[in-house]
């Protein structure tokens, strides 16, 4: 079970990390042993893409933040050791992506995240 969030995690902190130009800002919000599960058209609920630890999550974030796209935090709710947020992204060619995440916090860091995403095709 998680513990209460510390002041280190807030919607403003998440916004700065998510909307920043560097994957490192967002990666700093994850615990060393964090787990990220992604569900989308290619990795469906019975077989989600699962990344363990900051190294695997960081590699994915480097790939994403290396693309010509913008990221925007649409909304975030933090309550105790849980948070949920909506993110919208847009590639330079106009293709849009929308994701919803539910996260569990431990000591003010993201310990677990489930992300559901959809994009224009």
Protein backbone atom coordinates (compact mmCIF):
# COMPACT_ATOMS: atom_id res chain seq x y z
CA UNK A 1 0.00 0.00 0.00
CA UNK A 2 1.13 3.55 -0.69
CA UNK A 3 1.69 6.25 1.80
CA UNK A 4 0.37 9.79 1.80
CA UNK A 5 1.68 12.08 -0.86
CA UNK A 6 4.34 14.58 0.05
CA UNK A 7 4.24 18.16 -1.23
CA UNK A 8 6.63 17.01 -3.99
CA UNK A 9 3.72 15.80 -6.16
CA UNK A 10 1.01 18.17 -7.34
CA UNK A 11 -0.90 19.01 -10.49
CA UNK A 12 1.53 21.90 -11.07
CA UNK A 13 4.54 19.61 -10.74
CA UNK A 14 2.95 17.15 -13.16
CA UNK A 15 2.15 19.97 -15.61
CA UNK A 16 5.76 21.20 -15.60
CA UNK A 17 7.05 17.67 -16.20
CA UNK A 18 4.52 16.74 -18.85
CA UNK A 19 4.53 19.98 -20.81
CA UNK A 20 8.31 20.45 -20.60
CA UNK A 21 10.65 19.95 -23.51
CA UNK A 22 12.70 17.22 -21.83
CA UNK A 23 11.79 13.68 -20.86
CA UNK A 24 14.03 14.04 -17.80
CA UNK A 25 11.63 16.49 -16.11
CA UNK A 26 8.80 13.95 -16.29
CA UNK A 27 11.03 10.99 -15.43
CA UNK A 28 12.00 12.68 -12.14
CA UNK A 29 8.40 12.18 -10.97
CA UNK A 30 8.72 8.37 -11.05
CA UNK A 31 9.97 6.15 -8.22
CA UNK A 32 13.05 4.05 -9.06
CA UNK A 33 10.94 0.86 -9.09
CA UNK A 34 7.85 2.33 -10.80
CA UNK A 35 5.64 0.24 -13.07
CA UNK A 36 3.84 1.67 -16.10
CA UNK A 37 1.14 -0.30 -17.95
CA UNK A 38 -0.10 1.02 -21.29
CA UNK A 39 -3.32 -0.07 -22.96
CA UNK A 40 -4.11 1.02 -26.51
CA UNK A 41 -5.07 -0.42 -29.89
CA UNK A 42 -1.82 -2.39 -30.13
CA UNK A 43 -1.45 -3.46 -26.50
CA UNK A 44 -4.94 -4.42 -25.40
CA UNK A 45 -6.11 -4.98 -21.81
CA UNK A 46 -5.27 -8.69 -21.72
CA UNK A 47 -1.70 -7.99 -22.94
CA UNK A 48 -0.73 -4.43 -21.94
CA UNK A 49 2.73 -3.04 -22.53
CA UNK A 50 4.43 -3.12 -19.12
CA UNK A 51 7.59 -1.20 -18.23
CA UNK A 52 9.44 -1.67 -14.95
CA UNK A 53 11.74 0.88 -13.37
CA UNK A 54 12.95 4.29 -14.35
CA UNK A 55 15.36 2.87 -16.94
CA UNK A 56 12.61 1.29 -19.09
CA UNK A 57 10.18 4.17 -18.51
CA UNK A 58 12.94 6.67 -19.28
CA UNK A 59 13.76 5.00 -22.61
CA UNK A 60 10.09 5.23 -23.64
CA UNK A 61 9.88 8.88 -22.53
CA UNK A 62 13.06 9.77 -24.45
CA UNK A 63 11.49 8.31 -27.59
CA UNK A 64 8.22 10.21 -27.08
CA UNK A 65 9.86 13.54 -26.18
CA UNK A 66 12.23 13.18 -29.14
CA UNK A 67 9.26 13.50 -31.51
CA UNK A 68 7.98 16.76 -32.98
CA UNK A 69 4.86 17.05 -30.82
CA UNK A 70 3.32 19.06 -28.01
CA UNK A 71 1.98 17.74 -24.69
CA UNK A 72 -0.75 19.36 -22.62
CA UNK A 73 -2.13 18.42 -19.21
CA UNK A 74 -5.89 18.76 -19.59
CA UNK A 75 -6.82 17.98 -15.99
CA UNK A 76 -5.46 16.37 -12.85
CA UNK A 77 -6.96 15.29 -9.55
CA UNK A 78 -4.73 14.32 -6.62
CA UNK A 79 -6.28 12.70 -3.56
CA UNK A 80 -4.09 11.08 -0.93
CA UNK A 81 -1.81 8.53 -2.56
CA UNK A 82 -3.80 8.41 -5.83
CA UNK A 83 -4.03 10.74 -8.80
CA UNK A 84 -5.71 10.75 -12.19
CA UNK A 85 -5.00 12.94 -15.18
CA UNK A 86 -5.82 13.56 -18.83
CA UNK A 87 -3.16 14.45 -21.39
CA UNK A 88 -3.55 15.58 -24.98
CA UNK A 89 -0.75 15.58 -27.52
CA UNK A 90 -0.46 16.80 -31.07
CA UNK A 91 2.14 15.93 -33.69
CA UNK A 92 3.38 18.63 -36.08
CA UNK A 93 1.28 17.07 -38.88
CA UNK A 94 -1.92 17.46 -36.82
CA UNK A 95 -2.30 13.86 -35.59
CA UNK A 96 -3.69 13.94 -32.07
CA UNK A 97 -3.29 11.58 -29.12
CA UNK A 98 -5.38 11.47 -25.94
CA UNK A 99 -4.44 9.54 -22.82
CA UNK A 100 -5.98 8.97 -19.41
CA UNK A 101 -3.85 7.82 -16.49
CA UNK A 102 -4.52 6.53 -12.99
CA UNK A 103 -1.49 6.61 -10.73
CA UNK A 104 -0.52 5.43 -7.27
CA UNK A 105 1.96 7.56 -5.37
CA UNK A 106 4.57 6.55 -2.84
CA UNK A 107 6.60 9.20 -1.00
CA UNK A 108 5.50 11.82 -3.53
CA UNK A 109 6.63 9.79 -6.56
CA UNK A 110 4.70 7.79 -9.15
CA UNK A 111 4.94 4.12 -8.11
CA UNK A 112 2.31 2.64 -10.45
CA UNK A 113 0.58 4.02 -13.53
CA UNK A 114 -2.08 2.65 -15.85
CA UNK A 115 -2.38 4.64 -19.07
CA UNK A 116 -5.08 4.21 -21.69
CA UNK A 117 -4.36 6.01 -24.95
CA UNK A 118 -5.96 6.55 -28.32
CA UNK A 119 -4.73 8.41 -31.37
CA UNK A 120 -5.90 9.56 -34.79
CA UNK A 121 -5.28 7.13 -37.59
